[in-house]
Protein backbone atom coordinates (compact mmCIF):
# COMPACT_ATOMS: atom_id res chain seq x y z
CA MET A 1 4.52 -22.06 40.81
CA SER A 2 7.12 -24.49 42.15
CA VAL A 3 6.15 -28.00 43.11
CA SER A 4 7.38 -27.39 46.65
CA SER A 5 4.48 -24.98 47.14
CA TRP A 6 1.92 -27.62 46.18
CA ALA A 7 0.25 -29.06 49.23
CA LEU A 8 -0.88 -32.66 49.52
CA PRO A 9 -4.05 -32.66 51.63
CA SER A 10 -2.81 -34.08 54.93
CA GLU A 11 -6.17 -35.54 55.88
CA THR A 12 -6.51 -37.60 52.70
CA PRO A 13 -3.28 -39.32 51.69
CA ALA A 14 -3.64 -42.49 49.67
CA GLY A 15 -4.59 -45.40 51.89
CA THR A 16 -3.21 -48.93 51.60
CA ASP A 17 -6.39 -50.38 53.10
CA ASN A 18 -8.43 -48.69 50.38
CA LEU A 19 -6.10 -49.95 47.67
CA LYS A 20 -6.37 -53.51 48.97
CA VAL A 21 -10.17 -53.40 48.93
CA TYR A 22 -10.21 -52.07 45.37
CA LEU A 23 -7.73 -54.70 44.21
CA GLU A 24 -9.73 -57.52 45.74
CA GLN A 25 -12.90 -56.29 44.07
CA ILE A 26 -11.27 -55.85 40.68
CA ILE A 27 -9.60 -59.27 40.74
CA GLY A 28 -12.72 -60.97 42.10
CA GLU A 29 -13.33 -64.70 42.34
CA GLN A 30 -15.66 -65.32 39.42
CA GLY A 31 -13.24 -65.69 36.53
CA TYR A 32 -10.80 -63.68 34.48
CA ARG A 33 -11.56 -60.26 33.04
CA ASN A 34 -10.29 -60.98 29.54
CA TYR A 35 -12.01 -60.22 26.25
CA LYS A 36 -13.57 -63.69 26.09
CA ASN A 37 -15.27 -63.26 29.46
CA VAL A 38 -17.62 -60.37 28.74
CA GLN A 39 -19.66 -61.13 31.87
CA GLU A 40 -16.66 -60.59 34.12
CA LEU A 41 -15.71 -57.40 32.29
CA GLN A 42 -19.27 -56.17 32.85
CA ARG A 43 -19.07 -57.04 36.55
CA VAL A 44 -15.84 -55.11 37.02
CA SER A 45 -17.02 -52.07 35.05
CA ALA A 46 -20.30 -51.98 37.00
CA TRP A 47 -18.41 -52.17 40.30
CA ILE A 48 -16.12 -49.31 39.22
CA LYS A 49 -19.12 -47.17 38.28
CA GLU A 50 -20.76 -47.77 41.66
CA GLN A 51 -17.55 -47.14 43.60
CA MET A 52 -17.08 -43.83 41.84
CA ARG A 53 -20.72 -42.93 42.54
CA LEU A 54 -20.01 -43.37 46.24
CA PHE A 55 -17.37 -40.64 45.88
CA GLY A 56 -19.97 -38.36 44.29
CA ILE A 57 -18.45 -38.72 40.82
CA PRO A 58 -21.01 -39.58 38.12
CA CYS A 59 -20.02 -42.07 35.42
CA GLN A 60 -21.29 -43.16 32.06
CA TYR A 61 -20.54 -46.24 30.03
CA GLN A 62 -18.91 -45.69 26.67
CA ASN A 63 -20.33 -48.66 24.80
CA TYR A 64 -19.00 -50.22 21.64
CA SER A 65 -19.03 -53.63 20.00
CA VAL A 66 -16.35 -55.93 18.66
CA ASN A 67 -17.20 -59.12 16.78
CA SER A 68 -20.85 -58.68 17.86
CA LEU A 69 -19.90 -58.60 21.55
CA ALA A 70 -20.57 -55.60 23.80
CA TYR A 71 -17.69 -53.88 25.59
CA ARG A 72 -17.56 -50.65 27.54
CA ASN A 73 -15.25 -48.05 28.99
CA VAL A 74 -16.30 -46.31 32.19
CA VAL A 75 -16.01 -42.52 31.91
CA CYS A 76 -16.40 -40.51 35.11
CA THR A 77 -16.31 -36.73 35.41
CA LEU A 78 -15.30 -34.70 38.44
CA THR A 79 -16.59 -31.26 37.50
CA ALA A 80 -14.82 -28.36 39.20
CA GLY A 81 -16.29 -25.59 37.05
CA HIS A 82 -13.45 -25.18 34.58
CA ALA A 83 -13.29 -25.26 30.79
CA GLU A 84 -10.07 -27.26 30.75
CA LYS A 85 -9.63 -30.81 31.98
CA VAL A 86 -7.11 -33.51 32.65
CA ILE A 87 -7.69 -37.23 32.09
CA VAL A 88 -6.58 -40.01 34.44
CA GLY A 89 -6.98 -43.52 33.13
CA ALA A 90 -6.16 -47.21 33.40
CA HIS A 91 -7.28 -50.39 31.64
CA TYR A 92 -9.21 -52.96 33.63
CA ASP A 93 -9.00 -55.98 31.32
CA VAL A 94 -6.36 -58.72 31.61
CA TYR A 95 -4.36 -60.89 29.28
CA GLY A 96 -5.29 -64.56 29.33
CA LYS A 97 -6.60 -66.51 32.27
CA PHE A 98 -4.68 -64.60 34.89
CA GLN A 99 -5.60 -62.42 37.88
CA GLY A 100 -3.55 -59.51 36.58
CA ALA A 101 -2.91 -57.92 39.96
CA ASP A 102 -0.12 -55.68 38.73
CA ASP A 103 -1.34 -55.73 35.11
CA ASN A 104 -3.50 -53.83 35.59
CA ALA A 105 -5.62 -54.05 38.73
CA SER A 106 -2.92 -51.92 40.34
CA GLY A 107 -3.43 -49.09 37.87
CA VAL A 108 -7.20 -49.20 38.21
CA ALA A 109 -6.95 -49.15 42.00
CA GLY A 110 -4.61 -46.18 41.74
CA VAL A 111 -7.06 -44.24 39.59
CA ILE A 112 -9.93 -45.00 42.00
CA GLU A 113 -7.92 -43.86 45.02
CA THR A 114 -6.88 -40.70 43.16
CA ALA A 115 -10.55 -40.05 42.49
CA ARG A 116 -11.46 -40.57 46.15
CA ILE A 117 -8.96 -37.97 47.29
CA LEU A 118 -9.70 -35.41 44.60
CA SER A 119 -13.45 -35.70 45.16
CA GLN A 120 -12.84 -34.33 48.67
CA GLN A 121 -10.77 -31.44 47.31
CA LYS A 122 -12.91 -30.48 44.30
CA SER A 123 -13.05 -26.78 45.12
CA GLN A 124 -9.25 -26.56 44.96
CA LEU A 125 -8.83 -28.19 41.56
CA ALA A 126 -7.56 -26.05 38.67
CA HIS A 127 -9.19 -28.32 36.07
CA ASN A 128 -12.05 -30.71 35.68
CA VAL A 129 -10.84 -34.29 35.95
CA GLU A 130 -12.09 -37.13 33.76
CA PHE A 131 -11.39 -40.61 35.11
CA VAL A 132 -11.51 -43.27 32.40
CA PHE A 133 -11.36 -47.04 32.84
CA TYR A 134 -10.59 -48.76 29.56
CA THR A 135 -11.36 -52.20 28.23
CA LEU A 136 -9.55 -54.23 25.55
CA ALA A 137 -6.04 -52.86 26.09
CA GLU A 138 -4.52 -56.34 26.03
CA PRO A 139 -3.77 -58.59 23.04
CA PRO A 140 -5.27 -59.39 20.61
CA PHE A 141 -6.59 -55.80 20.54
CA PHE A 142 -3.46 -53.87 21.55
CA LYS A 143 -2.54 -51.23 18.92
CA SER A 144 -5.90 -51.69 17.19
CA GLU A 145 -8.95 -49.46 16.85
CA GLN A 146 -10.79 -51.82 19.20
CA MET A 147 -8.77 -50.65 22.20
CA GLY A 148 -10.95 -48.85 24.71
CA SER A 149 -8.43 -46.03 24.89
CA TYR A 150 -8.54 -45.62 21.10
CA VAL A 151 -12.33 -45.35 21.28
CA HIS A 152 -12.07 -42.79 24.06
CA ALA A 153 -9.25 -40.79 22.48
CA LYS A 154 -11.18 -40.46 19.22
CA SER A 155 -14.29 -39.36 21.13
CA ILE A 156 -12.48 -36.41 22.71
CA GLU A 157 -10.25 -35.47 19.76
CA ALA A 158 -12.32 -32.37 18.99
CA GLN A 159 -11.76 -31.17 22.59
CA LYS A 160 -8.02 -31.68 22.61
CA ASP A 161 -7.26 -27.97 22.97
CA GLN A 162 -9.00 -28.10 26.36
CA ILE A 163 -7.09 -31.19 27.55
CA GLN A 164 -4.09 -30.25 29.64
CA GLY A 165 -2.75 -33.77 29.93
CA VAL A 166 -3.53 -37.46 30.14
CA TYR A 167 -2.09 -39.59 32.94
CA ILE A 168 -2.14 -43.36 32.37
CA LEU A 169 -1.49 -45.71 35.29
CA GLU A 170 -0.06 -48.94 33.91
CA MET A 171 1.25 -51.43 36.48
CA ILE A 172 2.20 -49.44 39.57
CA GLY A 173 2.52 -52.13 42.24
CA PHE A 174 5.70 -54.19 41.80
CA PHE A 175 8.96 -53.08 43.39
CA ASP A 176 12.09 -55.05 44.32
CA GLU A 177 15.31 -53.28 45.22
CA ASN A 178 17.25 -56.55 44.98
CA LEU A 179 16.46 -57.50 41.40
CA VAL A 180 18.33 -56.27 38.34
CA GLN A 181 16.08 -53.88 36.42
CA GLN A 182 15.83 -54.45 32.68
CA TYR A 183 15.34 -51.74 30.03
CA PRO A 184 14.64 -51.34 26.34
CA VAL A 185 17.79 -51.51 24.23
CA GLY A 186 20.15 -48.61 24.84
CA LEU A 187 18.67 -47.32 28.08
CA LYS A 188 20.30 -49.51 30.73
CA TRP A 189 23.39 -47.29 30.92
CA VAL A 190 21.33 -44.26 31.90
CA TYR A 191 18.97 -45.57 34.59
CA PRO A 192 19.28 -47.42 37.92
CA GLN A 193 20.07 -51.12 38.06
CA HIS A 194 17.59 -51.73 40.91
CA GLY A 195 13.83 -52.20 40.54
CA ASN A 196 12.75 -49.82 43.28
CA PHE A 197 11.48 -46.74 41.47
CA ILE A 198 8.42 -45.53 39.59
CA ALA A 199 8.90 -44.49 35.96
CA ALA A 200 7.28 -41.50 34.26
CA VAL A 201 7.23 -42.18 30.51
CA SER A 202 6.55 -39.33 28.10
CA ASN A 203 7.28 -38.13 24.60
CA LEU A 204 8.62 -34.68 23.81
CA GLN A 205 5.13 -33.14 23.65
CA SER A 206 4.34 -34.40 27.15
CA TYR A 207 7.78 -33.57 28.55
CA ASN A 208 6.36 -31.21 31.18
CA LEU A 209 3.91 -33.80 32.51
CA SER A 210 6.63 -36.28 33.42
CA ALA A 211 8.90 -33.50 34.71
CA LYS A 212 6.25 -32.26 37.14
CA TYR A 213 5.34 -35.77 38.27
CA CYS A 214 8.92 -36.68 39.15
CA GLU A 215 9.40 -33.31 40.80
CA ALA A 216 6.35 -34.00 42.96
CA MET A 217 7.71 -37.43 43.84
CA ARG A 218 11.02 -35.88 44.86
CA GLU A 219 9.19 -33.43 47.10
CA LEU A 220 7.31 -36.28 48.79
CA ASP A 221 10.62 -38.13 49.19
CA GLU A 222 9.10 -41.59 49.60
CA LEU A 223 9.85 -43.32 46.29
CA GLU A 224 12.42 -42.64 43.58
CA CYS A 225 11.02 -41.42 40.24
CA GLN A 226 12.80 -41.84 36.92
CA ARG A 227 11.79 -40.03 33.73
CA LEU A 228 11.96 -41.75 30.36
CA VAL A 229 11.43 -39.30 27.50
CA ALA A 230 11.44 -41.14 24.22
CA PRO A 231 9.51 -41.54 20.98
CA SER A 232 6.98 -44.35 20.73
CA PHE A 233 9.07 -46.31 18.23
CA ILE A 234 11.48 -47.32 21.01
CA SER A 235 10.21 -50.70 22.14
CA GLY A 236 8.53 -50.56 25.55
CA MET A 237 7.71 -46.87 25.43
CA GLU A 238 4.34 -47.47 23.78
CA PHE A 239 3.08 -50.44 25.82
CA SER A 240 -0.11 -48.86 27.13
CA ASP A 241 -3.09 -46.63 26.52
CA HIS A 242 -1.15 -43.36 26.35
CA LEU A 243 -0.11 -44.31 22.80
CA ASN A 244 -3.59 -43.58 21.43
CA TYR A 245 -3.45 -40.02 22.79
CA TRP A 246 0.08 -39.49 21.50
CA ASN A 247 -1.12 -40.50 18.03
CA LEU A 248 -3.75 -37.73 18.14
CA GLY A 249 -1.33 -35.07 19.37
CA ILE A 250 -2.70 -35.01 22.92
CA PRO A 251 -0.06 -34.73 25.67
CA ALA A 252 -0.03 -37.96 27.68
CA MET A 253 2.28 -39.83 30.01
CA MET A 254 2.46 -43.31 31.51
CA ILE A 255 3.18 -43.88 35.19
CA THR A 256 4.54 -47.41 35.56
CA ASP A 257 6.71 -49.81 37.51
CA THR A 258 8.05 -50.77 34.03
CA GLY A 259 6.02 -54.00 33.93
CA PRO A 260 7.76 -56.75 31.92
CA PHE A 261 11.13 -55.03 32.28
CA ARG A 262 10.94 -55.74 36.03
CA ASN A 263 8.08 -57.99 37.01
CA LYS A 264 8.73 -61.66 36.27
CA HIS A 265 5.06 -62.36 37.05
CA TYR A 266 3.91 -60.28 34.06
CA HIS A 267 1.28 -62.17 32.00
CA THR A 268 1.54 -65.27 34.19
CA ALA A 269 -0.58 -66.96 36.83
CA THR A 270 1.69 -65.62 39.58
CA ASP A 271 0.69 -61.98 39.01
CA THR A 272 -1.29 -61.95 42.24
CA LEU A 273 -2.11 -59.51 45.00
CA LYS A 274 0.54 -60.89 47.35
CA THR A 275 3.31 -59.71 44.98
CA LEU A 276 2.30 -56.04 45.22
CA ASN A 277 3.73 -53.38 47.52
CA LEU A 278 0.70 -51.38 48.65
CA ASN A 279 2.75 -48.77 50.50
CA LYS A 280 4.66 -47.85 47.36
CA MET A 281 1.45 -47.90 45.31
CA ALA A 282 0.10 -45.31 47.74
CA TYR A 283 3.19 -43.13 47.22
CA VAL A 284 2.63 -43.29 43.45
CA VAL A 285 -0.93 -42.05 43.96
CA ASP A 286 0.19 -39.30 46.33
CA GLY A 287 2.53 -37.97 43.65
CA LEU A 288 -0.28 -37.87 41.11
CA VAL A 289 -2.65 -36.16 43.54
CA LYS A 290 0.04 -33.60 44.31
CA ILE A 291 0.37 -32.46 40.70
CA LEU A 292 -3.38 -32.56 40.01
CA MET A 293 -3.98 -30.36 43.06
CA ALA A 294 -1.48 -27.81 41.77
CA GLN A 295 -2.80 -24.50 40.55
CA SER A 296 -2.02 -23.38 37.03
CA ASP A 297 1.12 -21.36 36.58
């Protein structure tokens, strides 16, 4: 089935007003959602769980401890009566004492808005959808077994034959057509110089995931999509939660604005809501909804 035959539900496109509300709630005013502030992490995860409940999507906490402190992923399941499933995820923690609007409140808001739309179209889904909100993606836990996505990936390893793909939203809100886009070494000659596109990062195993996402984005014709297919040892290709699924042989891709290769606010106090482009965030979500609504070939 070609992507052009996939319909985006006209009555439920991604909404910028919704995204703004989610972002404000995730960022909050009570402190920074880093690993030292367990109370704030608990607040955010509880809010996510309640928001998803309002969409009719039940959630459970995936609890684990690090250095005698309690942390939790939020795992939510939209059951459409299928044996196979896809996973859509984003990490909700931040690095340091920063708001982390792009990194990664934007990704979390994108997952929540995707869930809102799909919950209204459940009968048309070709797979069950598991929405996962991870903790402890940021340093000092990145690339360790304490990452929330590592904990989740290991928990579903035995089911990997039923998992059709994992879609990680990692910084999806910063766009600037006037800046000079940076790239990992060796890639700048292949891709655009401007910073006004969304990137679909995959490895060879997940080649089809990124191909279909960019094809969907081309059909929508609102925001340019660039595919980066590369092994994880190329610096920058592994900077998110998809890495833990790759390491277990589960097809996964990252949808990203390229983060530190574009956004000068990355891991600073200026990574705030006012720097985000909500319209383009909505287009990113629409592309994801479009492929998740597609029927199996």
